Amino acid sequence: MIKEGAHRKAHTRAGNSKLISEINKVKVTNLIRDSDGISRADLAKGNGLSAPTISRIVEILIREGLVVEVGAGESKGGRRPTLLRFSGVDNFIIGIDLGTTNIHGVLTDLDAKVIAEVRRATQVEEGFARVMESTSDVVSELKNRLGDKKGKVCGIGMAIAGLINRERDIVEFSPDFHWHNVDVKAALAQRHEIPVYFDNVTRVMALGEIWYGAGRNYRNFIMINVGYGIGAGIIIQGAPLYGVKGKAGEFGHITLDKDSDVQCECGNFGCLEALASGNAIAKAGQRELRSGAVSALLEACGGDPEQLTAEMVVNAAKQGDGTAWTVFDRAAEYLGIGIAGLINLFNPEAVFIGGGVAQAGNILFDKVRKTVNARALNKAASEVAIMPATFGLRSAVMGAVSLILSGVVNLDYEHVNFRAASEPDRRPQA
């Protein structure tokens, strides 16, 4: 009879062995992916992996279609080595940015090369079922764009604004969509037999920076998404911070003005999102016009304050309109105050700002940097790079693509945390 302690130890050893194998597979996959062509021998150099381990992993990756042999490299005194290259030619990904205005979908290969792109109106007011139907239509259209191409769609990645309950695998609450406890996977499974993965939009944007963007240069950074709402994707030692149930990063719902009479979509008053988001900027401009402000904004919205958008405010501010400048500058200052707090709390190397409001450019970033320098701890503020998200308005959809790529190479971020704690940091520093 096997004692309970012995059984537990055997189970732990088996679990550790599987964990180490997956970590090694991720390591080898990323080394090949980051190269223009690399030999098995070069993969083994300086990585602590034996030649047999490298060969075994490479053969698995070749069978899975993730790696191909692309010819012979230069000889270093013996037989010319066979070079390996990451391949996404016959494997495809559908990425969906589920926004409140548009459903933005892309079809890519595993190298994130965009093959097709679709946008469709979200129609949030028609409810969850209708939005899922429209999303399913986008997926169908993207699948049809494959035509006669061989291969398969590995998965559908989705970026969604809201609180994601990772234990129940549902969107627990989305203030932007007014959803409570909705099952996105079940809704899409009615028409598509493709694995669906989703996460909070800002965390997904941060994941895209890790895989494809400037975030690859940093182990610790924060992605700030400033669109209709505001969120934060926090990366610590190369891995996203989820919190206990996956709800970390609700940056927009930090109260910055407890005496504010401006109500947030969440029901609270004085949230950062109610003061500095795209929705907040539009509403602040509308209030100014209704109070009788003389401004170019009135002409921009056709005389109807309710039609004023954040983009109109930004454009008028850039042209020197005083009311527009005051509205936008105040929002940018609130955002800077919030970011200063994040810098003090997490001590990141970089802060990326994405989303629609980030497209304002210098009038946003100059004010944010100035505010951060004034309010964050001096040393911490001076060392943080504050920059636009790499992919601009495509950040969420490219992040959704990376969500599937992570799964394809078995990249579990709990494993990444383990790896980061046990290995030296070899990433280049900015």
Protein backbone atom coordinates (compact mmCIF):
# COMPACT_ATOMS: atom_id res chain seq x y z
CA MET A 1 0.00 0.00 0.00
CA ILE A 2 1.34 3.43 -0.97
CA LYS A 3 1.33 5.93 1.85
CA GLU A 4 -0.51 9.22 1.33
CA GLY A 5 2.70 11.28 1.68
CA ALA A 6 4.49 9.19 -0.92
CA HIS A 7 1.54 9.53 -3.32
CA ARG A 8 1.55 13.31 -2.83
CA LYS A 9 5.28 13.50 -3.50
CA ALA A 10 4.93 11.40 -6.66
CA HIS A 11 2.07 13.61 -7.84
CA THR A 12 4.14 16.74 -7.10
CA ARG A 13 7.13 15.37 -9.01
CA ALA A 14 4.91 14.59 -12.01
CA GLY A 15 3.39 18.07 -11.86
CA ASN A 16 6.78 19.73 -11.60
CA SER A 17 8.08 17.66 -14.52
CA LYS A 18 5.16 18.74 -16.71
CA LEU A 19 5.60 22.35 -15.63
CA ILE A 20 9.31 22.33 -16.48
CA SER A 21 8.60 20.71 -19.86
CA GLU A 22 6.07 23.43 -20.73
CA ILE A 23 8.43 26.18 -19.59
CA ASN A 24 11.19 24.71 -21.77
CA LYS A 25 8.84 24.50 -24.74
CA VAL A 26 7.88 28.16 -24.35
CA LYS A 27 11.54 29.13 -24.03
CA VAL A 28 12.56 27.25 -27.20
CA THR A 29 9.53 28.51 -29.16
CA ASN A 30 10.28 32.13 -28.30
CA LEU A 31 13.99 31.76 -29.14
CA ILE A 32 13.07 30.42 -32.59
CA ARG A 33 10.35 33.04 -33.04
CA ASP A 34 12.76 35.88 -32.21
CA SER A 35 15.38 34.69 -34.72
CA ASP A 36 15.66 34.87 -38.50
CA GLY A 37 16.83 31.27 -38.46
CA ILE A 38 18.59 29.33 -35.71
CA SER A 39 20.18 25.90 -35.42
CA ARG A 40 19.50 23.28 -32.76
CA ALA A 41 23.05 23.70 -31.50
CA ASP A 42 22.64 27.46 -31.07
CA LEU A 43 19.35 26.92 -29.23
CA ALA A 44 21.22 24.84 -26.65
CA LYS A 45 23.94 27.43 -26.03
CA GLY A 46 23.58 29.37 -22.79
CA ASN A 47 20.05 28.15 -22.05
CA GLY A 48 20.76 25.28 -19.71
CA LEU A 49 19.00 22.76 -21.96
CA SER A 50 20.66 19.61 -23.26
CA ALA A 51 20.90 18.77 -26.95
CA PRO A 52 18.45 15.84 -26.57
CA THR A 53 15.92 18.11 -24.82
CA ILE A 54 16.23 20.69 -27.60
CA SER A 55 15.81 18.01 -30.28
CA ARG A 56 12.73 16.57 -28.57
CA ILE A 57 11.05 19.98 -28.25
CA VAL A 58 11.93 20.95 -31.83
CA GLU A 59 10.41 17.74 -33.19
CA ILE A 60 7.19 18.45 -31.25
CA LEU A 61 7.05 22.00 -32.63
CA ILE A 62 7.63 20.73 -36.18
CA ARG A 63 4.80 18.19 -35.81
CA GLU A 64 2.51 20.94 -34.51
CA GLY A 65 3.34 23.09 -37.53
CA LEU A 66 4.83 25.87 -35.40
CA VAL A 67 8.40 25.44 -36.65
CA VAL A 68 9.85 24.58 -40.07
CA GLU A 69 13.34 23.69 -41.30
CA VAL A 70 14.41 26.38 -43.77
CA GLY A 71 17.80 25.24 -45.09
CA ALA A 72 21.41 25.08 -44.04
CA GLY A 73 23.33 27.69 -42.09
CA GLU A 74 27.01 28.58 -42.19
CA SER A 75 29.47 25.87 -41.27
CA LYS A 76 31.59 26.40 -38.15
CA GLY A 77 34.09 23.71 -38.92
CA GLY A 78 31.80 20.75 -39.52
CA ARG A 79 28.62 19.87 -41.33
CA ARG A 80 26.38 22.85 -42.09
CA PRO A 81 23.58 23.05 -39.49
CA THR A 82 19.89 22.94 -40.37
CA LEU A 83 18.19 26.24 -39.55
CA LEU A 84 14.79 26.47 -37.87
CA ARG A 85 12.21 29.23 -38.21
CA PHE A 86 8.88 29.93 -36.54
CA SER A 87 5.99 29.32 -38.93
CA GLY A 88 2.44 30.52 -38.80
CA VAL A 89 1.63 29.92 -42.45
CA ASP A 90 -0.93 27.12 -42.05
CA ASN A 91 -2.30 28.17 -38.66
CA PHE A 92 -4.60 31.13 -38.24
CA ILE A 93 -6.04 33.26 -35.45
CA ILE A 94 -9.15 35.40 -35.23
CA GLY A 95 -8.79 38.42 -32.95
CA ILE A 96 -11.82 40.44 -31.83
CA ASP A 97 -11.84 43.85 -30.15
CA LEU A 98 -15.38 44.03 -28.79
CA GLY A 99 -15.86 47.77 -28.40
CA THR A 100 -18.97 49.72 -27.51
CA THR A 101 -18.99 51.40 -30.93
CA ASN A 102 -17.50 48.78 -33.23
CA ILE A 103 -16.69 45.08 -33.33
CA HIS A 104 -13.21 45.06 -34.85
CA GLY A 105 -12.01 41.68 -36.08
CA VAL A 106 -8.83 40.48 -37.78
CA LEU A 107 -7.69 37.19 -39.28
CA THR A 108 -3.93 36.64 -38.91
CA ASP A 109 -1.36 33.89 -39.19
CA LEU A 110 0.73 32.96 -36.15
CA ASP A 111 3.27 35.63 -37.10
CA ALA A 112 0.46 38.18 -36.59
CA LYS A 113 0.40 39.05 -40.29
CA VAL A 114 -3.09 40.45 -40.95
CA ILE A 115 -4.86 38.59 -43.75
CA ALA A 116 -8.32 40.13 -43.41
CA GLU A 117 -9.99 42.82 -41.32
CA VAL A 118 -13.67 43.50 -40.56
CA ARG A 119 -15.54 46.20 -38.63
CA ARG A 120 -19.20 46.11 -37.71
CA ALA A 121 -21.40 48.36 -35.54
CA THR A 122 -21.79 46.92 -32.04
CA GLN A 123 -25.35 48.12 -31.31
CA VAL A 124 -24.94 47.84 -27.54
CA GLU A 125 -28.47 49.11 -26.94
CA GLU A 126 -29.92 45.92 -28.51
CA GLY A 127 -28.56 43.73 -25.73
CA PHE A 128 -26.10 40.90 -25.17
CA ALA A 129 -27.69 38.35 -27.53
CA ARG A 130 -27.66 40.78 -30.47
CA VAL A 131 -24.05 41.81 -29.81
CA MET A 132 -23.00 38.15 -29.73
CA GLU A 133 -24.88 37.53 -32.98
CA SER A 134 -23.00 40.40 -34.63
CA THR A 135 -19.70 39.11 -33.21
CA SER A 136 -20.47 35.66 -34.60
CA ASP A 137 -21.15 37.21 -38.01
CA VAL A 138 -17.74 38.90 -37.90
CA VAL A 139 -16.10 35.55 -37.08
CA SER A 140 -17.93 33.87 -39.99
CA GLU A 141 -16.88 36.58 -42.41
CA LEU A 142 -13.24 36.31 -41.33
CA LYS A 143 -13.30 32.50 -41.66
CA ASN A 144 -14.73 32.85 -45.17
CA ARG A 145 -11.80 35.12 -46.11
CA LEU A 146 -9.50 32.08 -45.82
CA GLY A 147 -10.93 30.84 -49.08
CA ASP A 148 -8.92 27.87 -50.36
CA LYS A 149 -6.04 28.35 -47.92
CA LYS A 150 -4.99 25.17 -46.15
CA GLY A 151 -4.69 25.05 -42.39
CA LYS A 152 -6.95 25.72 -39.44
CA VAL A 153 -8.14 28.54 -37.19
CA CYS A 154 -6.49 27.81 -33.84
CA GLY A 155 -8.78 29.98 -31.78
CA ILE A 156 -10.78 33.16 -31.32
CA GLY A 157 -9.25 35.73 -28.97
CA MET A 158 -11.44 38.52 -27.61
CA ALA A 159 -10.78 41.78 -25.80
CA ILE A 160 -13.78 42.85 -23.70
CA ALA A 161 -14.29 45.84 -21.42
CA GLY A 162 -15.39 44.69 -18.00
CA LEU A 163 -14.73 42.56 -14.94
CA ILE A 164 -13.73 39.05 -16.00
CA ASN A 165 -14.36 36.29 -13.46
CA ARG A 166 -11.65 33.76 -14.30
CA GLU A 167 -13.04 31.15 -11.92
CA ARG A 168 -16.44 31.07 -13.63
CA ASP A 169 -15.07 32.09 -17.06
CA ILE A 170 -17.70 34.80 -17.57
CA VAL A 171 -17.96 38.56 -17.91
CA GLU A 172 -19.24 39.31 -14.42
CA PHE A 173 -19.92 43.00 -14.96
CA SER A 174 -19.33 45.48 -17.76
CA PRO A 175 -20.36 49.08 -17.02
CA ASP A 176 -19.76 50.04 -20.66
CA PHE A 177 -22.07 47.30 -22.04
CA HIS A 178 -24.40 47.16 -18.99
CA TRP A 179 -23.85 43.39 -18.80
CA HIS A 180 -24.08 41.20 -15.71
CA ASN A 181 -22.85 37.58 -15.59
CA VAL A 182 -22.81 36.86 -19.34
CA ASP A 183 -21.25 33.76 -20.92
CA VAL A 184 -19.46 34.83 -24.09
CA LYS A 185 -18.06 31.38 -24.85
CA ALA A 186 -21.44 29.68 -24.71
CA ALA A 187 -22.97 32.32 -26.97
CA LEU A 188 -20.34 31.89 -29.68
CA ALA A 189 -20.21 28.09 -29.35
CA GLN A 190 -23.73 27.94 -30.79
CA ARG A 191 -22.28 28.71 -34.23
CA HIS A 192 -18.53 28.09 -34.05
CA GLU A 193 -16.58 25.00 -32.98
CA ILE A 194 -13.40 27.01 -32.39
CA PRO A 195 -11.85 27.54 -28.94
CA VAL A 196 -12.70 31.00 -27.56
CA TYR A 197 -10.45 32.88 -25.12
CA PHE A 198 -11.25 36.31 -23.74
CA ASP A 199 -9.96 38.73 -21.16
CA ASN A 200 -10.26 42.31 -20.02
CA VAL A 201 -9.43 44.61 -22.93
CA THR A 202 -6.60 46.50 -21.22
CA ARG A 203 -4.89 43.35 -19.99
CA VAL A 204 -5.18 42.00 -23.54
CA MET A 205 -3.58 45.20 -24.89
CA ALA A 206 -0.69 44.69 -22.46
CA LEU A 207 -0.33 41.10 -23.67
CA GLY A 208 -0.05 42.40 -27.25
CA GLU A 209 2.79 44.67 -26.15
CA ILE A 210 4.59 41.66 -24.61
CA TRP A 211 4.31 39.56 -27.76
CA TYR A 212 4.59 42.08 -30.59
CA GLY A 213 5.25 45.59 -29.30
CA ALA A 214 7.70 47.75 -27.40
CA GLY A 215 6.62 45.98 -24.21
CA ARG A 216 9.05 43.21 -25.14
CA ASN A 217 11.81 45.51 -23.91
CA TYR A 218 10.45 45.66 -20.36
CA ARG A 219 9.75 43.21 -17.56
CA ASN A 220 7.59 45.65 -15.58
CA PHE A 221 5.19 48.05 -17.28
CA ILE A 222 1.62 49.34 -17.17
CA MET A 223 -0.75 49.67 -20.10
CA ILE A 224 -3.38 52.38 -19.67
CA ASN A 225 -6.40 52.20 -21.95
CA VAL A 226 -8.23 55.53 -22.29
CA GLY A 227 -11.25 55.13 -24.50
CA TYR A 228 -14.93 55.17 -23.61
CA GLY A 229 -13.73 53.99 -20.19
CA ILE A 230 -10.34 53.66 -18.49
CA GLY A 231 -8.47 50.53 -17.42
CA ALA A 232 -4.96 49.35 -16.58
CA GLY A 233 -3.07 46.22 -17.57
CA ILE A 234 -0.27 45.72 -15.04
CA ILE A 235 2.73 43.60 -16.02
CA ILE A 236 5.01 42.40 -13.22
CA GLN A 237 8.12 40.37 -14.06
CA GLY A 238 6.77 39.71 -17.55
CA ALA A 239 3.35 38.46 -16.42
CA PRO A 240 -0.08 40.12 -16.12
CA LEU A 241 -1.43 40.85 -12.66
CA TYR A 242 -4.87 39.25 -12.36
CA GLY A 243 -5.71 39.49 -8.70
CA VAL A 244 -7.65 36.80 -6.82
CA LYS A 245 -10.44 36.29 -9.38
CA GLY A 246 -9.06 38.13 -12.39
CA LYS A 247 -10.48 41.55 -11.54
CA ALA A 248 -7.26 43.54 -11.07
CA GLY A 249 -6.65 46.68 -13.11
CA GLU A 250 -9.89 48.65 -12.66
CA PHE A 251 -7.87 51.86 -12.68
CA GLY A 252 -10.77 53.94 -13.97
CA HIS A 253 -12.81 53.32 -10.83
CA ILE A 254 -10.36 54.84 -8.40
CA THR A 255 -12.09 57.85 -6.79
CA LEU A 256 -10.12 61.02 -7.53
CA ASP A 257 -12.70 63.60 -6.46
CA LYS A 258 -14.90 62.50 -3.56
CA ASP A 259 -16.97 65.70 -3.78
CA SER A 260 -17.64 65.44 -7.51
CA ASP A 261 -21.23 65.54 -8.76
CA VAL A 262 -20.19 63.70 -11.94
CA GLN A 263 -21.52 60.16 -11.83
CA CYS A 264 -19.60 57.25 -13.33
CA GLU A 265 -21.17 54.42 -15.34
CA CYS A 266 -20.45 52.18 -12.32
CA GLY A 267 -22.80 54.29 -10.17
CA ASN A 268 -20.12 55.97 -8.06
CA PHE A 269 -19.19 59.66 -8.18
CA GLY A 270 -15.79 61.17 -8.94
CA CYS A 271 -14.17 58.09 -10.51
CA LEU A 272 -11.18 58.73 -12.77
CA GLU A 273 -13.24 57.27 -15.62
CA ALA A 274 -15.97 59.86 -15.00
CA LEU A 275 -13.38 62.64 -15.13
CA ALA A 276 -10.89 61.69 -17.84
CA SER A 277 -12.25 59.05 -20.25
CA GLY A 278 -13.42 59.75 -23.78
CA ASN A 279 -17.00 59.58 -22.55
CA ALA A 280 -16.15 62.02 -19.73
CA ILE A 281 -14.48 64.48 -22.11
CA ALA A 282 -17.52 64.48 -24.41
CA LYS A 283 -19.93 64.98 -21.51
CA ALA A 284 -17.83 67.79 -20.01
CA GLY A 285 -17.87 69.57 -23.37
CA GLN A 286 -21.61 69.09 -23.61
CA ARG A 287 -22.09 70.63 -20.17
CA GLU A 288 -20.01 73.65 -21.19
CA LEU A 289 -22.16 74.21 -24.28
CA ARG A 290 -25.42 73.81 -22.38
CA SER A 291 -24.20 76.42 -19.87
CA GLY A 292 -23.75 78.92 -22.72
CA ALA A 293 -20.02 78.72 -23.50
CA VAL A 294 -19.00 80.50 -26.69
CA SER A 295 -16.97 77.88 -28.51
CA ALA A 296 -16.16 76.34 -31.88
CA LEU A 297 -17.50 73.14 -30.35
CA LEU A 298 -21.05 74.32 -31.05
CA GLU A 299 -20.38 74.42 -34.78
CA ALA A 300 -18.49 71.11 -34.64
CA CYS A 301 -21.55 69.32 -33.23
CA GLY A 302 -24.01 71.01 -35.59
CA GLY A 303 -25.57 73.09 -32.84
CA ASP A 304 -26.65 70.03 -30.85
CA PRO A 305 -24.51 69.56 -27.70
CA GLU A 306 -25.71 65.94 -27.38
CA GLN A 307 -23.85 65.10 -30.60
CA LEU A 308 -20.50 66.36 -29.29
CA THR A 309 -17.74 63.72 -29.15
CA ALA A 310 -14.34 63.55 -27.47
CA GLU A 311 -12.72 63.64 -30.90
CA MET A 312 -14.43 66.97 -31.63
CA VAL A 313 -13.13 68.34 -28.33
CA VAL A 314 -9.58 67.21 -29.16
CA ASN A 315 -9.67 68.73 -32.64
CA ALA A 316 -11.00 72.06 -31.35
CA ALA A 317 -8.40 72.12 -28.55
CA LYS A 318 -5.61 71.62 -31.09
CA GLN A 319 -6.99 74.57 -33.06
CA GLY A 320 -6.82 76.80 -29.98
CA ASP A 321 -10.45 76.85 -28.83
CA GLY A 322 -10.40 77.95 -25.19
CA THR A 323 -13.36 75.92 -23.95
CA ALA A 324 -12.17 72.75 -25.65
CA TRP A 325 -8.65 73.24 -24.32
CA THR A 326 -9.90 73.72 -20.75
CA VAL A 327 -12.04 70.56 -20.93
CA PHE A 328 -9.29 68.39 -22.40
CA ASP A 329 -6.48 69.80 -20.27
CA ARG A 330 -8.46 69.15 -17.08
CA ALA A 331 -9.11 65.54 -18.12
CA ALA A 332 -5.44 64.99 -19.02
CA GLU A 333 -4.40 66.34 -15.63
CA TYR A 334 -6.70 63.91 -13.81
CA LEU A 335 -5.23 61.09 -15.88
CA GLY A 336 -1.70 62.23 -14.98
CA ILE A 337 -2.58 62.29 -11.28
CA GLY A 338 -3.86 58.73 -11.52
CA ILE A 339 -0.80 57.53 -13.40
CA ALA A 340 1.48 59.19 -10.85
CA GLY A 341 -0.23 57.09 -8.19
CA LEU A 342 0.33 53.90 -10.20
CA ILE A 343 4.01 54.77 -10.63
CA ASN A 344 4.41 55.31 -6.91
CA LEU A 345 2.65 52.03 -6.19
CA PHE A 346 4.19 49.68 -8.78
CA ASN A 347 7.50 51.34 -9.75
CA PRO A 348 7.27 50.31 -13.43
CA GLU A 349 9.91 50.82 -16.11
CA ALA A 350 7.35 52.15 -18.60
CA VAL A 351 3.76 53.28 -18.99
CA PHE A 352 1.98 52.81 -22.32
CA ILE A 353 -1.18 54.78 -23.07
CA GLY A 354 -3.58 53.48 -25.71
CA GLY A 355 -7.22 53.81 -26.69
CA GLY A 356 -9.07 56.51 -28.61
CA VAL A 357 -8.11 59.41 -26.34
CA ALA A 358 -4.40 58.55 -26.72
CA GLN A 359 -4.72 59.45 -30.41
CA ALA A 360 -4.79 63.11 -29.28
CA GLY A 361 -1.00 62.89 -29.29
CA ASN A 362 1.22 65.54 -27.75
CA ILE A 363 -1.51 67.59 -26.06
CA LEU A 364 -2.26 64.50 -23.97
CA PHE A 365 1.23 63.12 -23.42
CA ASP A 366 2.81 66.50 -22.62
CA LYS A 367 0.20 67.20 -19.93
CA VAL A 368 0.40 63.68 -18.49
CA ARG A 369 4.21 63.76 -18.29
CA LYS A 370 4.17 67.22 -16.70
CA THR A 371 1.61 66.11 -14.10
CA VAL A 372 3.46 62.87 -13.34
CA ASN A 373 6.72 64.76 -12.84
CA ALA A 374 4.96 67.12 -10.45
CA ARG A 375 3.12 64.49 -8.41
CA ALA A 376 5.04 61.20 -8.50
CA LEU A 377 8.10 60.60 -6.36
CA ASN A 378 10.85 62.42 -8.22
CA LYS A 379 13.24 59.52 -8.75
CA ALA A 380 10.48 57.10 -9.77
CA ALA A 381 8.88 59.59 -12.18
CA SER A 382 12.14 60.53 -13.91
CA GLU A 383 12.96 56.92 -14.72
CA VAL A 384 9.61 55.93 -16.24
CA ALA A 385 9.12 56.06 -20.00
CA ILE A 386 5.59 57.27 -20.85
CA MET A 387 4.73 56.49 -24.45
CA PRO A 388 1.88 55.62 -26.85
CA ALA A 389 0.77 52.02 -27.25
CA THR A 390 2.69 50.38 -30.11
CA PHE A 391 -0.33 49.58 -32.28
CA GLY A 392 -2.49 52.64 -31.72
CA LEU A 393 -6.16 51.86 -32.35
CA ARG A 394 -5.20 48.28 -33.26
CA SER A 395 -3.76 47.57 -29.80
CA ALA A 396 -6.78 45.66 -28.49
CA VAL A 397 -7.29 43.51 -31.56
CA MET A 398 -3.58 42.64 -31.81
CA GLY A 399 -3.65 41.81 -28.12
CA ALA A 400 -6.59 39.48 -28.80
CA VAL A 401 -4.45 37.71 -31.41
CA SER A 402 -1.64 37.30 -28.88
CA LEU A 403 -4.14 35.77 -26.43
CA ILE A 404 -4.46 32.80 -28.80
CA LEU A 405 -0.76 32.69 -29.65
CA SER A 406 -0.08 32.35 -25.93
CA GLY A 407 -2.32 29.31 -25.82
CA VAL A 408 -0.86 27.76 -28.96
CA VAL A 409 2.60 27.63 -27.38
CA ASN A 410 1.19 26.63 -23.97
CA LEU A 411 2.14 29.94 -22.36
CA ASP A 412 0.42 29.84 -18.98
CA TYR A 413 1.26 33.04 -17.11
CA GLU A 414 1.43 31.27 -13.76
CA HIS A 415 4.31 29.37 -15.33
CA VAL A 416 5.87 32.59 -16.53
CA ASN A 417 5.79 33.87 -12.94
CA PHE A 418 7.63 30.71 -11.85
CA ARG A 419 10.18 31.16 -14.60
CA ALA A 420 10.73 34.83 -13.87
CA ALA A 421 11.40 34.05 -10.22
CA SER A 422 13.89 31.29 -10.97
CA GLU A 423 15.84 32.70 -13.91
CA PRO A 424 17.91 35.86 -14.46
CA ASP A 425 16.36 38.65 -16.50
CA ARG A 426 17.91 38.56 -19.97
CA ARG A 427 15.61 41.02 -21.64
CA PRO A 428 17.18 44.17 -23.08
CA GLN A 429 16.53 47.25 -21.02
CA ALA A 430 15.44 50.55 -22.52
